[in-house]
Each structure stands twice: as structure tokens, then as C-alpha cells.
Amino acid sequence: KPSEFTSASTLEFAKLVELAGFPKGVVNVVTGYGHEMGEALVAH
């Protein structure tokens, strides 16, 4: 979960993870406001 102000590099980085051959689902990226979905992530 990158900051909502600076998510681009993390999302582009995910392409490198995929190209390296990591199985799908091993690395995931969610973006947005922490106050809207942060608790759902922490408490899941």
C-alpha cells in the first residue's frame, strides 16, 4: 500500500516482479486513501 501521493513507481515496479517470474498473487498493490481502506487492510 503506497502513499496516495506517490503510487506510480510501486505500480510500475510490479511489472518487474512479474517479469522476474514470481507467481501471480505473491505481490499485490492497492492504492488509495488510508482513512478509507487502511483499517480493512490492517484488520483483515
PDB file of all heavy atoms in Angstrom:
ATOM      1  N   LYS A   1       0.859  -1.184   0.000  1.00  0.00           N
ATOM      2  CA  LYS A   1       0.000   0.000   0.000  1.00  0.00           C
ATOM      3  C   LYS A   1       0.902   1.242   0.000  1.00  0.00           C
ATOM      4  O   LYS A   1       1.368   1.689   1.036  1.00  0.00           O
ATOM      5  CB  LYS A   1      -0.919  -0.013   1.231  1.00  0.00           C
ATOM      6  CG  LYS A   1      -1.594   1.322   1.570  1.00  0.00           C
ATOM      7  CD  LYS A   1      -2.451   1.899   0.461  1.00  0.00           C
ATOM      8  CE  LYS A   1      -3.139   3.197   0.883  1.00  0.00           C
ATOM      9  NZ  LYS A   1      -2.242   4.372   0.892  1.00  0.00           N
ATOM     10  N   PRO A   2       1.164   1.804  -1.189  1.00  0.00           N
ATOM     11  CA  PRO A   2       1.946   3.041  -1.234  1.00  0.00           C
ATOM     12  C   PRO A   2       1.088   4.240  -0.859  1.00  0.00           C
ATOM     13  O   PRO A   2      -0.140   4.160  -0.799  1.00  0.00           O
ATOM     14  CB  PRO A   2       2.386   3.113  -2.703  1.00  0.00           C
ATOM     15  CG  PRO A   2       1.294   2.396  -3.442  1.00  0.00           C
ATOM     16  CD  PRO A   2       0.796   1.317  -2.519  1.00  0.00           C
ATOM     17  N   SER A   3       1.745   5.367  -0.608  1.00  0.00           N
ATOM     18  CA  SER A   3       1.011   6.606  -0.338  1.00  0.00           C
ATOM     19  C   SER A   3       0.174   6.985  -1.544  1.00  0.00           C
ATOM     20  O   SER A   3       0.571   6.774  -2.694  1.00  0.00           O
ATOM     21  CB  SER A   3       1.997   7.732  -0.021  1.00  0.00           C
ATOM     22  OG  SER A   3       1.365   8.991  -0.071  1.00  0.00           O
ATOM     23  N   GLU A   4      -0.977   7.592  -1.275  1.00  0.00           N
ATOM     24  CA  GLU A   4      -1.819   8.061  -2.381  1.00  0.00           C
ATOM     25  C   GLU A   4      -1.139   9.173  -3.175  1.00  0.00           C
ATOM     26  O   GLU A   4      -1.525   9.455  -4.305  1.00  0.00           O
ATOM     27  CB  GLU A   4      -3.171   8.552  -1.848  1.00  0.00           C
ATOM     28  CG  GLU A   4      -3.110   9.768  -0.940  1.00  0.00           C
ATOM     29  CD  GLU A   4      -2.938   9.421   0.519  1.00  0.00           C
ATOM     30  OE1 GLU A   4      -2.510   8.282   0.824  1.00  0.00           O
ATOM     31  OE2 GLU A   4      -3.248  10.284   1.361  1.00  0.00           O
ATOM     32  N   PHE A   5      -0.111   9.794  -2.592  1.00  0.00           N
ATOM     33  CA  PHE A   5       0.606  10.858  -3.300  1.00  0.00           C
ATOM     34  C   PHE A   5       1.658  10.299  -4.255  1.00  0.00           C
ATOM     35  O   PHE A   5       2.023  10.968  -5.224  1.00  0.00           O
ATOM     36  CB  PHE A   5       1.293  11.797  -2.299  1.00  0.00           C
ATOM     37  CG  PHE A   5       0.347  12.603  -1.469  1.00  0.00           C
ATOM     38  CD1 PHE A   5       0.154  12.305  -0.130  1.00  0.00           C
ATOM     39  CD2 PHE A   5      -0.356  13.664  -2.012  1.00  0.00           C
ATOM     40  CE1 PHE A   5      -0.715  13.052   0.660  1.00  0.00           C
ATOM     41  CE2 PHE A   5      -1.233  14.416  -1.239  1.00  0.00           C
ATOM     42  CZ  PHE A   5      -1.408  14.106   0.095  1.00  0.00           C
ATOM     43  N   THR A   6       2.180   9.116  -3.974  1.00  0.00           N
ATOM     44  CA  THR A   6       3.317   8.586  -4.745  1.00  0.00           C
ATOM     45  C   THR A   6       3.158   7.089  -4.993  1.00  0.00           C
ATOM     46  O   THR A   6       3.924   6.279  -4.470  1.00  0.00           O
ATOM     47  CB  THR A   6       4.632   8.842  -3.998  1.00  0.00           C
ATOM     48  OG1 THR A   6       4.521   8.315  -2.663  1.00  0.00           O
ATOM     49  CG2 THR A   6       4.945  10.329  -3.911  1.00  0.00           C
ATOM     50  N   SER A   7       2.193   6.734  -5.804  1.00  0.00           N
ATOM     51  CA  SER A   7       1.920   5.313  -6.062  1.00  0.00           C
ATOM     52  C   SER A   7       2.518   4.809  -7.370  1.00  0.00           C
ATOM     53  O   SER A   7       2.624   3.599  -7.585  1.00  0.00           O
ATOM     54  CB  SER A   7       0.408   5.069  -6.088  1.00  0.00           C
ATOM     55  OG  SER A   7      -0.183   5.332  -4.837  1.00  0.00           O
ATOM     56  N   ALA A   8       2.903   5.729  -8.268  1.00  0.00           N
ATOM     57  CA  ALA A   8       3.282   5.332  -9.625  1.00  0.00           C
ATOM     58  C   ALA A   8       4.466   4.370  -9.651  1.00  0.00           C
ATOM     59  O   ALA A   8       4.427   3.340 -10.332  1.00  0.00           O
ATOM     60  CB  ALA A   8       3.588   6.571 -10.464  1.00  0.00           C
ATOM     61  N   SER A   9       5.515   4.691  -8.924  1.00  0.00           N
ATOM     62  CA  SER A   9       6.716   3.854  -9.011  1.00  0.00           C
ATOM     63  C   SER A   9       6.459   2.452  -8.470  1.00  0.00           C
ATOM     64  O   SER A   9       7.001   1.474  -8.996  1.00  0.00           O
ATOM     65  CB  SER A   9       7.879   4.511  -8.268  1.00  0.00           C
ATOM     66  OG  SER A   9       7.568   4.732  -6.906  1.00  0.00           O
ATOM     67  N   THR A  10       5.633   2.318  -7.440  1.00  0.00           N
ATOM     68  CA  THR A  10       5.320   0.994  -6.898  1.00  0.00           C
ATOM     69  C   THR A  10       4.531   0.170  -7.906  1.00  0.00           C
ATOM     70  O   THR A  10       4.775  -1.035  -8.075  1.00  0.00           O
ATOM     71  CB  THR A  10       4.534   1.127  -5.587  1.00  0.00           C
ATOM     72  OG1 THR A  10       5.277   1.935  -4.672  1.00  0.00           O
ATOM     73  CG2 THR A  10       4.268  -0.229  -4.957  1.00  0.00           C
ATOM     74  N   LEU A  11       3.588   0.801  -8.582  1.00  0.00           N
ATOM     75  CA  LEU A  11       2.796   0.090  -9.579  1.00  0.00           C
ATOM     76  C   LEU A  11       3.645  -0.321 -10.779  1.00  0.00           C
ATOM     77  O   LEU A  11       3.490  -1.428 -11.316  1.00  0.00           O
ATOM     78  CB  LEU A  11       1.621   0.960 -10.024  1.00  0.00           C
ATOM     79  CG  LEU A  11       0.534   1.134  -8.960  1.00  0.00           C
ATOM     80  CD1 LEU A  11      -0.336   2.347  -9.268  1.00  0.00           C
ATOM     81  CD2 LEU A  11      -0.322  -0.131  -8.846  1.00  0.00           C
ATOM     82  N   GLU A  12       4.543   0.547 -11.199  1.00  0.00           N
ATOM     83  CA  GLU A  12       5.441   0.178 -12.294  1.00  0.00           C
ATOM     84  C   GLU A  12       6.409  -0.913 -11.844  1.00  0.00           C
ATOM     85  O   GLU A  12       6.769  -1.802 -12.626  1.00  0.00           O
ATOM     86  CB  GLU A  12       6.209   1.406 -12.786  1.00  0.00           C
ATOM     87  CG  GLU A  12       5.341   2.504 -13.402  1.00  0.00           C
ATOM     88  CD  GLU A  12       4.816   2.158 -14.793  1.00  0.00           C
ATOM     89  OE1 GLU A  12       4.959   0.992 -15.237  1.00  0.00           O
ATOM     90  OE2 GLU A  12       4.258   3.061 -15.454  1.00  0.00           O
ATOM     91  N   PHE A  13       6.823  -0.863 -10.588  1.00  0.00           N
ATOM     92  CA  PHE A  13       7.714  -1.880 -10.036  1.00  0.00           C
ATOM     93  C   PHE A  13       7.069  -3.268 -10.116  1.00  0.00           C
ATOM     94  O   PHE A  13       7.770  -4.271 -10.290  1.00  0.00           O
ATOM     95  CB  PHE A  13       8.046  -1.535  -8.587  1.00  0.00           C
ATOM     96  CG  PHE A  13       9.057  -2.441  -7.940  1.00  0.00           C
ATOM     97  CD1 PHE A  13      10.397  -2.133  -7.972  1.00  0.00           C
ATOM     98  CD2 PHE A  13       8.658  -3.599  -7.274  1.00  0.00           C
ATOM     99  CE1 PHE A  13      11.339  -2.958  -7.371  1.00  0.00           C
ATOM    100  CE2 PHE A  13       9.579  -4.427  -6.676  1.00  0.00           C
ATOM    101  CZ  PHE A  13      10.930  -4.104  -6.722  1.00  0.00           C
ATOM    102  N   ALA A  14       5.754  -3.318  -9.982  1.00  0.00           N
ATOM    103  CA  ALA A  14       5.051  -4.607 -10.052  1.00  0.00           C
ATOM    104  C   ALA A  14       5.307  -5.307 -11.389  1.00  0.00           C
ATOM    105  O   ALA A  14       5.296  -6.545 -11.460  1.00  0.00           O
ATOM    106  CB  ALA A  14       3.553  -4.404  -9.842  1.00  0.00           C
ATOM    107  N   LYS A  15       5.549  -4.533 -12.431  1.00  0.00           N
ATOM    108  CA  LYS A  15       5.861  -5.136 -13.735  1.00  0.00           C
ATOM    109  C   LYS A  15       7.191  -5.889 -13.685  1.00  0.00           C
ATOM    110  O   LYS A  15       7.356  -6.922 -14.341  1.00  0.00           O
ATOM    111  CB  LYS A  15       5.907  -4.047 -14.809  1.00  0.00           C
ATOM    112  CG  LYS A  15       4.586  -3.316 -15.017  1.00  0.00           C
ATOM    113  CD  LYS A  15       4.743  -2.190 -16.025  1.00  0.00           C
ATOM    114  CE  LYS A  15       3.449  -1.411 -16.195  1.00  0.00           C
ATOM    115  NZ  LYS A  15       3.587  -0.270 -17.136  1.00  0.00           N
ATOM    116  N   LEU A  16       8.139  -5.369 -12.911  1.00  0.00           N
ATOM    117  CA  LEU A  16       9.421  -6.053 -12.761  1.00  0.00           C
ATOM    118  C   LEU A  16       9.258  -7.350 -11.978  1.00  0.00           C
ATOM    119  O   LEU A  16       9.908  -8.354 -12.281  1.00  0.00           O
ATOM    120  CB  LEU A  16      10.423  -5.134 -12.054  1.00  0.00           C
ATOM    121  CG  LEU A  16      10.737  -3.795 -12.722  1.00  0.00           C
ATOM    122  CD1 LEU A  16      11.781  -3.036 -11.912  1.00  0.00           C
ATOM    123  CD2 LEU A  16      11.212  -3.989 -14.159  1.00  0.00           C
ATOM    124  N   VAL A  17       8.394  -7.321 -10.962  1.00  0.00           N
ATOM    125  CA  VAL A  17       8.118  -8.528 -10.183  1.00  0.00           C
ATOM    126  C   VAL A  17       7.558  -9.623 -11.089  1.00  0.00           C
ATOM    127  O   VAL A  17       7.984 -10.786 -11.035  1.00  0.00           O
ATOM    128  CB  VAL A  17       7.131  -8.220  -9.044  1.00  0.00           C
ATOM    129  CG1 VAL A  17       6.693  -9.494  -8.331  1.00  0.00           C
ATOM    130  CG2 VAL A  17       7.744  -7.237  -8.048  1.00  0.00           C
ATOM    131  N   GLU A  18       6.630  -9.241 -11.933  1.00  0.00           N
ATOM    132  CA  GLU A  18       6.025 -10.198 -12.854  1.00  0.00           C
ATOM    133  C   GLU A  18       7.046 -10.719 -13.855  1.00  0.00           C
ATOM    134  O   GLU A  18       7.106 -11.926 -14.140  1.00  0.00           O
ATOM    135  CB  GLU A  18       4.866  -9.511 -13.584  1.00  0.00           C
ATOM    136  CG  GLU A  18       4.019 -10.437 -14.431  1.00  0.00           C
ATOM    137  CD  GLU A  18       2.775  -9.749 -14.956  1.00  0.00           C
ATOM    138  OE1 GLU A  18       2.084  -9.080 -14.166  1.00  0.00           O
ATOM    139  OE2 GLU A  18       2.502  -9.877 -16.172  1.00  0.00           O
ATOM    140  N   LEU A  19       7.861  -9.823 -14.388  1.00  0.00           N
ATOM    141  CA  LEU A  19       8.862 -10.207 -15.381  1.00  0.00           C
ATOM    142  C   LEU A  19       9.923 -11.121 -14.773  1.00  0.00           C
ATOM    143  O   LEU A  19      10.488 -11.985 -15.471  1.00  0.00           O
ATOM    144  CB  LEU A  19       9.517  -8.947 -15.963  1.00  0.00           C
ATOM    145  CG  LEU A  19      10.370  -9.107 -17.215  1.00  0.00           C
ATOM    146  CD1 LEU A  19       9.537  -9.670 -18.364  1.00  0.00           C
ATOM    147  CD2 LEU A  19      10.973  -7.768 -17.623  1.00  0.00           C
ATOM    148  N   ALA A  20      10.192 -10.960 -13.485  1.00  0.00           N
ATOM    149  CA  ALA A  20      11.179 -11.811 -12.805  1.00  0.00           C
ATOM    150  C   ALA A  20      10.697 -13.240 -12.660  1.00  0.00           C
ATOM    151  O   ALA A  20      11.506 -14.143 -12.429  1.00  0.00           O
ATOM    152  CB  ALA A  20      11.514 -11.232 -11.435  1.00  0.00           C
ATOM    153  N   GLY A  21       9.375 -13.471 -12.767  1.00  0.00           N
ATOM    154  CA  GLY A  21       8.840 -14.815 -12.697  1.00  0.00           C
ATOM    155  C   GLY A  21       8.173 -15.189 -11.385  1.00  0.00           C
ATOM    156  O   GLY A  21       7.888 -16.369 -11.149  1.00  0.00           O
ATOM    157  N   PHE A  22       7.887 -14.217 -10.530  1.00  0.00           N
ATOM    158  CA  PHE A  22       7.159 -14.532  -9.303  1.00  0.00           C
ATOM    159  C   PHE A  22       5.747 -15.004  -9.650  1.00  0.00           C
ATOM    160  O   PHE A  22       5.091 -14.419 -10.515  1.00  0.00           O
ATOM    161  CB  PHE A  22       7.081 -13.305  -8.396  1.00  0.00           C
ATOM    162  CG  PHE A  22       8.358 -13.003  -7.674  1.00  0.00           C
ATOM    163  CD1 PHE A  22       9.371 -12.288  -8.300  1.00  0.00           C
ATOM    164  CD2 PHE A  22       8.561 -13.442  -6.371  1.00  0.00           C
ATOM    165  CE1 PHE A  22      10.560 -12.005  -7.639  1.00  0.00           C
ATOM    166  CE2 PHE A  22       9.749 -13.173  -5.707  1.00  0.00           C
ATOM    167  CZ  PHE A  22      10.754 -12.456  -6.344  1.00  0.00           C
ATOM    168  N   PRO A  23       5.242 -16.032  -9.000  1.00  0.00           N
ATOM    169  CA  PRO A  23       3.881 -16.496  -9.272  1.00  0.00           C
ATOM    170  C   PRO A  23       2.855 -15.399  -8.997  1.00  0.00           C
ATOM    171  O   PRO A  23       3.068 -14.533  -8.137  1.00  0.00           O
ATOM    172  CB  PRO A  23       3.704 -17.669  -8.301  1.00  0.00           C
ATOM    173  CG  PRO A  23       5.092 -18.133  -7.996  1.00  0.00           C
ATOM    174  CD  PRO A  23       5.936 -16.900  -8.013  1.00  0.00           C
ATOM    175  N   LYS A  24       1.756 -15.451  -9.695  1.00  0.00           N
ATOM    176  CA  LYS A  24       0.723 -14.436  -9.506  1.00  0.00           C
ATOM    177  C   LYS A  24       0.191 -14.478  -8.078  1.00  0.00           C
ATOM    178  O   LYS A  24       0.074 -15.549  -7.474  1.00  0.00           O
ATOM    179  CB  LYS A  24      -0.412 -14.623 -10.505  1.00  0.00           C
ATOM    180  CG  LYS A  24      -1.256 -15.871 -10.302  1.00  0.00           C
ATOM    181  CD  LYS A  24      -2.397 -15.920 -11.314  1.00  0.00           C
ATOM    182  CE  LYS A  24      -3.313 -17.107 -11.038  1.00  0.00           C
ATOM    183  NZ  LYS A  24      -4.465 -17.153 -11.981  1.00  0.00           N
ATOM    184  N   GLY A  25      -0.114 -13.308  -7.568  1.00  0.00           N
ATOM    185  CA  GLY A  25      -0.660 -13.207  -6.216  1.00  0.00           C
ATOM    186  C   GLY A  25       0.389 -13.080  -5.125  1.00  0.00           C
ATOM    187  O   GLY A  25       0.046 -12.732  -3.983  1.00  0.00           O
ATOM    188  N   VAL A  26       1.645 -13.347  -5.444  1.00  0.00           N
ATOM    189  CA  VAL A  26       2.687 -13.234  -4.422  1.00  0.00           C
ATOM    190  C   VAL A  26       2.890 -11.783  -4.022  1.00  0.00           C
ATOM    191  O   VAL A  26       3.090 -11.464  -2.848  1.00  0.00           O
ATOM    192  CB  VAL A  26       4.004 -13.868  -4.922  1.00  0.00           C
ATOM    193  CG1 VAL A  26       5.157 -13.555  -3.977  1.00  0.00           C
ATOM    194  CG2 VAL A  26       3.841 -15.366  -5.074  1.00  0.00           C
ATOM    195  N   VAL A  27       2.829 -10.875  -4.993  1.00  0.00           N
ATOM    196  CA  VAL A  27       2.937  -9.441  -4.733  1.00  0.00           C
ATOM    197  C   VAL A  27       1.720  -8.744  -5.323  1.00  0.00           C
ATOM    198  O   VAL A  27       1.386  -8.938  -6.501  1.00  0.00           O
ATOM    199  CB  VAL A  27       4.222  -8.848  -5.335  1.00  0.00           C
ATOM    200  CG1 VAL A  27       4.266  -7.329  -5.125  1.00  0.00           C
ATOM    201  CG2 VAL A  27       5.454  -9.506  -4.715  1.00  0.00           C
ATOM    202  N   ASN A  28       1.044  -7.945  -4.511  1.00  0.00           N
ATOM    203  CA  ASN A  28      -0.150  -7.209  -4.931  1.00  0.00           C
ATOM    204  C   ASN A  28      -0.001  -5.751  -4.501  1.00  0.00           C
ATOM    205  O   ASN A  28       0.680  -5.460  -3.513  1.00  0.00           O
ATOM    206  CB  ASN A  28      -1.407  -7.806  -4.298  1.00  0.00           C
ATOM    207  CG  ASN A  28      -1.534  -9.299  -4.555  1.00  0.00           C
ATOM    208  OD1 ASN A  28      -2.120  -9.737  -5.533  1.00  0.00           O
ATOM    209  ND2 ASN A  28      -0.970 -10.107  -3.651  1.00  0.00           N
ATOM    210  N   VAL A  29      -0.653  -4.839  -5.227  1.00  0.00           N
ATOM    211  CA  VAL A  29      -0.571  -3.418  -4.909  1.00  0.00           C
ATOM    212  C   VAL A  29      -1.969  -2.824  -4.877  1.00  0.00           C
ATOM    213  O   VAL A  29      -2.705  -2.914  -5.873  1.00  0.00           O
ATOM    214  CB  VAL A  29       0.283  -2.644  -5.931  1.00  0.00           C
ATOM    215  CG1 VAL A  29       0.439  -1.184  -5.487  1.00  0.00           C
ATOM    216  CG2 VAL A  29       1.644  -3.292  -6.128  1.00  0.00           C
ATOM    217  N   VAL A  30      -2.325  -2.236  -3.745  1.00  0.00           N
ATOM    218  CA  VAL A  30      -3.586  -1.494  -3.643  1.00  0.00           C
ATOM    219  C   VAL A  30      -3.266  -0.033  -3.374  1.00  0.00           C
ATOM    220  O   VAL A  30      -2.351   0.288  -2.603  1.00  0.00           O
ATOM    221  CB  VAL A  30      -4.515  -2.057  -2.545  1.00  0.00           C
ATOM    222  CG1 VAL A  30      -5.024  -3.434  -2.925  1.00  0.00           C
ATOM    223  CG2 VAL A  30      -3.805  -2.114  -1.201  1.00  0.00           C
ATOM    224  N   THR A  31      -3.988   0.844  -4.018  1.00  0.00           N
ATOM    225  CA  THR A  31      -3.742   2.283  -3.876  1.00  0.00           C
ATOM    226  C   THR A  31      -5.018   2.985  -3.435  1.00  0.00           C
ATOM    227  O   THR A  31      -6.121   2.523  -3.702  1.00  0.00           O
ATOM    228  CB  THR A  31      -3.264   2.887  -5.204  1.00  0.00           C
ATOM    229  OG1 THR A  31      -4.265   2.670  -6.233  1.00  0.00           O
ATOM    230  CG2 THR A  31      -1.960   2.263  -5.651  1.00  0.00           C
ATOM    231  N   GLY A  32      -4.835   4.107  -2.758  1.00  0.00           N
ATOM    232  CA  GLY A  32      -5.991   4.857  -2.308  1.00  0.00           C
ATOM    233  C   GLY A  32      -5.712   5.553  -0.998  1.00  0.00           C
ATOM    234  O   GLY A  32      -4.561   5.637  -0.543  1.00  0.00           O
ATOM    235  N   TYR A  33      -6.763   6.057  -0.389  1.00  0.00           N
ATOM    236  CA  TYR A  33      -6.647   6.795   0.861  1.00  0.00           C
ATOM    237  C   TYR A  33      -6.613   5.845   2.058  1.00  0.00           C
ATOM    238  O   TYR A  33      -7.451   4.957   2.185  1.00  0.00           O
ATOM    239  CB  TYR A  33      -7.825   7.756   1.018  1.00  0.00           C
ATOM    240  CG  TYR A  33      -7.842   8.871   0.001  1.00  0.00           C
ATOM    241  CD1 TYR A  33      -8.911   8.993  -0.902  1.00  0.00           C
ATOM    242  CD2 TYR A  33      -6.814   9.806  -0.066  1.00  0.00           C
ATOM    243  CE1 TYR A  33      -8.948  10.014  -1.837  1.00  0.00           C
ATOM    244  CE2 TYR A  33      -6.840  10.838  -0.995  1.00  0.00           C
ATOM    245  CZ  TYR A  33      -7.901  10.936  -1.881  1.00  0.00           C
ATOM    246  OH  TYR A  33      -7.938  11.947  -2.804  1.00  0.00           O
ATOM    247  N   GLY A  34      -5.649   6.073   2.938  1.00  0.00           N
ATOM    248  CA  GLY A  34      -5.528   5.223   4.109  1.00  0.00           C
ATOM    249  C   GLY A  34      -6.757   5.254   4.995  1.00  0.00           C
ATOM    250  O   GLY A  34      -7.153   4.227   5.559  1.00  0.00           O
ATOM    251  N   HIS A  35      -7.390   6.423   5.115  1.00  0.00           N
ATOM    252  CA  HIS A  35      -8.553   6.524   6.003  1.00  0.00           C
ATOM    253  C   HIS A  35      -9.773   5.819   5.435  1.00  0.00           C
ATOM    254  O   HIS A  35     -10.740   5.576   6.150  1.00  0.00           O
ATOM    255  CB  HIS A  35      -8.886   7.992   6.284  1.00  0.00           C
ATOM    256  CG  HIS A  35      -9.375   8.759   5.086  1.00  0.00           C
ATOM    257  ND1 HIS A  35      -8.526   9.439   4.231  1.00  0.00           N
ATOM    258  CD2 HIS A  35     -10.617   8.955   4.596  1.00  0.00           C
ATOM    259  CE1 HIS A  35      -9.233  10.031   3.275  1.00  0.00           C
ATOM    260  NE2 HIS A  35     -10.507   9.744   3.478  1.00  0.00           N
ATOM    261  N   GLU A  36      -9.734   5.483   4.129  1.00  0.00           N
ATOM    262  CA  GLU A  36     -10.868   4.794   3.527  1.00  0.00           C
ATOM    263  C   GLU A  36     -10.720   3.286   3.557  1.00  0.00           C
ATOM    264  O   GLU A  36     -11.726   2.572   3.660  1.00  0.00           O
ATOM    265  CB  GLU A  36     -11.053   5.260   2.075  1.00  0.00           C
ATOM    266  CG  GLU A  36     -11.555   6.685   1.945  1.00  0.00           C
ATOM    267  CD  GLU A  36     -11.854   7.080   0.511  1.00  0.00           C
ATOM    268  OE1 GLU A  36     -11.432   6.358  -0.433  1.00  0.00           O
ATOM    269  OE2 GLU A  36     -12.508   8.117   0.309  1.00  0.00           O
ATOM    270  N   MET A  37      -9.489   2.790   3.443  1.00  0.00           N
ATOM    271  CA  MET A  37      -9.352   1.328   3.383  1.00  0.00           C
ATOM    272  C   MET A  37      -8.181   0.790   4.206  1.00  0.00           C
ATOM    273  O   MET A  37      -7.903  -0.399   4.191  1.00  0.00           O
ATOM    274  CB  MET A  37      -9.223   0.859   1.928  1.00  0.00           C
ATOM    275  CG  MET A  37      -8.211   1.576   1.070  1.00  0.00           C
ATOM    276  SD  MET A  37      -6.523   1.015   1.324  1.00  0.00           S
ATOM    277  CE  MET A  37      -5.776   1.448  -0.219  1.00  0.00           C
ATOM    278  N   GLY A  38      -7.509   1.672   4.948  1.00  0.00           N
ATOM    279  CA  GLY A  38      -6.376   1.223   5.740  1.00  0.00           C
ATOM    280  C   GLY A  38      -6.750   0.240   6.827  1.00  0.00           C
ATOM    281  O   GLY A  38      -6.060  -0.766   7.036  1.00  0.00           O
ATOM    282  N   GLU A  39      -7.859   0.500   7.521  1.00  0.00           N
ATOM    283  CA  GLU A  39      -8.263  -0.402   8.596  1.00  0.00           C
ATOM    284  C   GLU A  39      -8.635  -1.774   8.051  1.00  0.00           C
ATOM    285  O   GLU A  39      -8.353  -2.797   8.693  1.00  0.00           O
ATOM    286  CB  GLU A  39      -9.433   0.187   9.383  1.00  0.00           C
ATOM    287  CG  GLU A  39      -9.831  -0.674  10.576  1.00  0.00           C
ATOM    288  CD  GLU A  39     -10.862  -0.021  11.471  1.00  0.00           C
ATOM    289  OE1 GLU A  39     -11.264   1.130  11.191  1.00  0.00           O
ATOM    290  OE2 GLU A  39     -11.267  -0.650  12.464  1.00  0.00           O
ATOM    291  N   ALA A  40      -9.242  -1.801   6.873  1.00  0.00           N
ATOM    292  CA  ALA A  40      -9.591  -3.090   6.268  1.00  0.00           C
ATOM    293  C   ALA A  40      -8.345  -3.916   5.979  1.00  0.00           C
ATOM    294  O   ALA A  40      -8.359  -5.143   6.114  1.00  0.00           O
ATOM    295  CB  ALA A  40     -10.382  -2.864   4.981  1.00  0.00           C
ATOM    296  N   LEU A  41      -7.263  -3.247   5.604  1.00  0.00           N
ATOM    297  CA  LEU A  41      -6.015  -3.950   5.329  1.00  0.00           C
ATOM    298  C   LEU A  41      -5.368  -4.441   6.621  1.00  0.00           C
ATOM    299  O   LEU A  41      -4.974  -5.608   6.734  1.00  0.00           O
ATOM    300  CB  LEU A  41      -5.060  -3.029   4.570  1.00  0.00           C
ATOM    301  CG  LEU A  41      -3.692  -3.604   4.195  1.00  0.00           C
ATOM    302  CD1 LEU A  41      -3.834  -4.848   3.339  1.00  0.00           C
ATOM    303  CD2 LEU A  41      -2.856  -2.548   3.474  1.00  0.00           C
ATOM    304  N   VAL A  42      -5.276  -3.577   7.609  1.00  0.00           N
ATOM    305  CA  VAL A  42      -4.632  -3.937   8.874  1.00  0.00           C
ATOM    306  C   VAL A  42      -5.417  -5.018   9.614  1.00  0.00           C
ATOM    307  O   VAL A  42      -4.845  -5.948  10.178  1.00  0.00           O
ATOM    308  CB  VAL A  42      -4.479  -2.691   9.759  1.00  0.00           C
ATOM    309  CG1 VAL A  42      -3.999  -3.059  11.160  1.00  0.00           C
ATOM    310  CG2 VAL A  42      -3.508  -1.700   9.115  1.00  0.00           C
ATOM    311  N   ALA A  43      -6.735  -4.896   9.592  1.00  0.00           N
ATOM    312  CA  ALA A  43      -7.583  -5.793  10.376  1.00  0.00           C
ATOM    313  C   ALA A  43      -7.983  -7.067   9.636  1.00  0.00           C
ATOM    314  O   ALA A  43      -8.617  -7.947  10.229  1.00  0.00           O
ATOM    315  CB  ALA A  43      -8.851  -5.050  10.818  1.00  0.00           C
ATOM    316  N   HIS A  44      -7.632  -7.188   8.369  1.00  0.00           N
ATOM    317  CA  HIS A  44      -8.063  -8.370   7.598  1.00  0.00           C
ATOM    318  C   HIS A  44      -7.576  -9.648   8.289  1.00  0.00           C
ATOM    319  O   HIS A  44      -6.400  -9.759   8.654  1.00  0.00           O
ATOM    320  CB  HIS A  44      -7.517  -8.301   6.177  1.00  0.00           C
ATOM    321  CG  HIS A  44      -8.219  -9.224   5.232  1.00  0.00           C
ATOM    322  ND1 HIS A  44      -8.084 -10.596   5.278  1.00  0.00           N
ATOM    323  CD2 HIS A  44      -9.081  -8.966   4.209  1.00  0.00           C
ATOM    324  CE1 HIS A  44      -8.826 -11.151   4.331  1.00  0.00           C
ATOM    325  NE2 HIS A  44      -9.446 -10.179   3.663  1.00  0.00           N
TER     326      HIS A  44
END
